Amino acid sequence: MSALNIDSASFTQIEGRPGATSRRSESKILAIVGARGKMQNPVTGSGGMFIGTVAKVGVALAGAT
């Protein structure tokens, strides 16, 4: 199972934008994650919590415990 739980401040801000729809909110969240590498709302500074499996560890963290 994989999920991204969006915090309430980010959810309210994203859903409250003019013309917001479920599909547009999804696109906005994916754009934030794509640009920042995580869910960190540039407006509120808040984020969320990812629940899932790490597919790959970057070179900077290889061997870290």
C-alpha atoms as a PDB file:
ATOM      1  CA  MET A   1       0.000   0.000   0.000  1.00  0.00           C
ATOM      2  CA  SER A   2       1.172   3.517  -0.777  1.00  0.00           C
ATOM      3  CA  ALA A   3      -0.482   6.735   0.297  1.00  0.00           C
ATOM      4  CA  LEU A   4       0.312  10.398   0.744  1.00  0.00           C
ATOM      5  CA  ASN A   5      -1.541  11.901   3.695  1.00  0.00           C
ATOM      6  CA  ILE A   6      -1.829  15.656   3.116  1.00  0.00           C
ATOM      7  CA  ASP A   7      -1.891  17.818   6.243  1.00  0.00           C
ATOM      8  CA  SER A   8      -5.042  19.877   6.806  1.00  0.00           C
ATOM      9  CA  ALA A   9      -3.386  23.280   6.197  1.00  0.00           C
ATOM     10  CA  SER A  10      -2.111  22.213   2.764  1.00  0.00           C
ATOM     11  CA  PHE A  11      -5.352  20.464   1.874  1.00  0.00           C
ATOM     12  CA  THR A  12      -7.441  23.509   2.805  1.00  0.00           C
ATOM     13  CA  GLN A  13      -5.161  25.879   0.873  1.00  0.00           C
ATOM     14  CA  ILE A  14      -5.026  23.688  -2.258  1.00  0.00           C
ATOM     15  CA  GLU A  15      -8.767  22.925  -2.246  1.00  0.00           C
ATOM     16  CA  GLY A  16      -9.603  26.578  -1.553  1.00  0.00           C
ATOM     17  CA  ARG A  17      -7.979  27.914  -4.717  1.00  0.00           C
ATOM     18  CA  PRO A  18     -10.378  29.468  -7.254  1.00  0.00           C
ATOM     19  CA  GLY A  19     -11.586  26.830  -9.730  1.00  0.00           C
ATOM     20  CA  ALA A  20     -10.253  23.942  -7.625  1.00  0.00           C
ATOM     21  CA  THR A  21     -11.488  20.482  -8.545  1.00  0.00           C
ATOM     22  CA  SER A  22     -10.310  17.082  -7.369  1.00  0.00           C
ATOM     23  CA  ARG A  23      -8.322  16.611 -10.580  1.00  0.00           C
ATOM     24  CA  ARG A  24      -6.728  20.064 -10.382  1.00  0.00           C
ATOM     25  CA  SER A  25      -5.839  19.533  -6.726  1.00  0.00           C
ATOM     26  CA  GLU A  26      -4.253  16.193  -7.600  1.00  0.00           C
ATOM     27  CA  SER A  27      -2.222  17.869 -10.347  1.00  0.00           C
ATOM     28  CA  LYS A  28      -1.109  20.621  -7.952  1.00  0.00           C
ATOM     29  CA  ILE A  29       0.028  18.086  -5.345  1.00  0.00           C
ATOM     30  CA  LEU A  30       1.930  16.053  -7.960  1.00  0.00           C
ATOM     31  CA  ALA A  31       3.582  19.254  -9.219  1.00  0.00           C
ATOM     32  CA  ILE A  32       4.694  20.190  -5.673  1.00  0.00           C
ATOM     33  CA  VAL A  33       6.128  16.703  -5.066  1.00  0.00           C
ATOM     34  CA  GLY A  34       7.822  16.710  -8.472  1.00  0.00           C
ATOM     35  CA  ALA A  35       9.436  20.108  -7.911  1.00  0.00           C
ATOM     36  CA  ARG A  36      10.438  19.640  -4.258  1.00  0.00           C
ATOM     37  CA  GLY A  37      10.903  15.878  -4.024  1.00  0.00           C
ATOM     38  CA  LYS A  38       8.359  15.741  -1.205  1.00  0.00           C
ATOM     39  CA  MET A  39       5.037  17.246  -0.208  1.00  0.00           C
ATOM     40  CA  GLN A  40       6.012  20.669   1.128  1.00  0.00           C
ATOM     41  CA  ASN A  41       3.413  23.271   0.225  1.00  0.00           C
ATOM     42  CA  PRO A  42       5.241  26.439  -0.895  1.00  0.00           C
ATOM     43  CA  VAL A  43       2.366  28.603   0.416  1.00  0.00           C
ATOM     44  CA  THR A  44       1.895  27.106   3.891  1.00  0.00           C
ATOM     45  CA  GLY A  45       5.297  25.443   4.384  1.00  0.00           C
ATOM     46  CA  SER A  46       3.496  22.356   5.641  1.00  0.00           C
ATOM     47  CA  GLY A  47       3.448  18.946   4.060  1.00  0.00           C
ATOM     48  CA  GLY A  48       2.253  15.462   4.633  1.00  0.00           C
ATOM     49  CA  MET A  49       3.356  11.929   5.333  1.00  0.00           C
ATOM     50  CA  PHE A  50       4.156   9.278   2.731  1.00  0.00           C
ATOM     51  CA  ILE A  51       3.354   5.680   3.548  1.00  0.00           C
ATOM     52  CA  GLY A  52       4.957   3.191   1.179  1.00  0.00           C
ATOM     53  CA  THR A  53       8.127   1.435   0.128  1.00  0.00           C
ATOM     54  CA  VAL A  54      11.431   3.073  -0.793  1.00  0.00           C
ATOM     55  CA  ALA A  55      12.355   1.918  -4.292  1.00  0.00           C
ATOM     56  CA  LYS A  56      15.895   3.303  -4.360  1.00  0.00           C
ATOM     57  CA  VAL A  57      18.338   4.979  -1.984  1.00  0.00           C
ATOM     58  CA  GLY A  58      20.397   7.822  -3.400  1.00  0.00           C
ATOM     59  CA  VAL A  59      24.199   7.844  -3.454  1.00  0.00           C
ATOM     60  CA  ALA A  60      24.357  10.397  -0.625  1.00  0.00           C
ATOM     61  CA  LEU A  61      22.590   7.973   1.731  1.00  0.00           C
ATOM     62  CA  ALA A  62      24.060   4.667   0.531  1.00  0.00           C
ATOM     63  CA  GLY A  63      25.246   2.696   3.544  1.00  0.00           C
ATOM     64  CA  ALA A  64      23.641   5.057   6.085  1.00  0.00           C
ATOM     65  CA  THR A  65      21.844   3.498   9.011  1.00  0.00           C
END
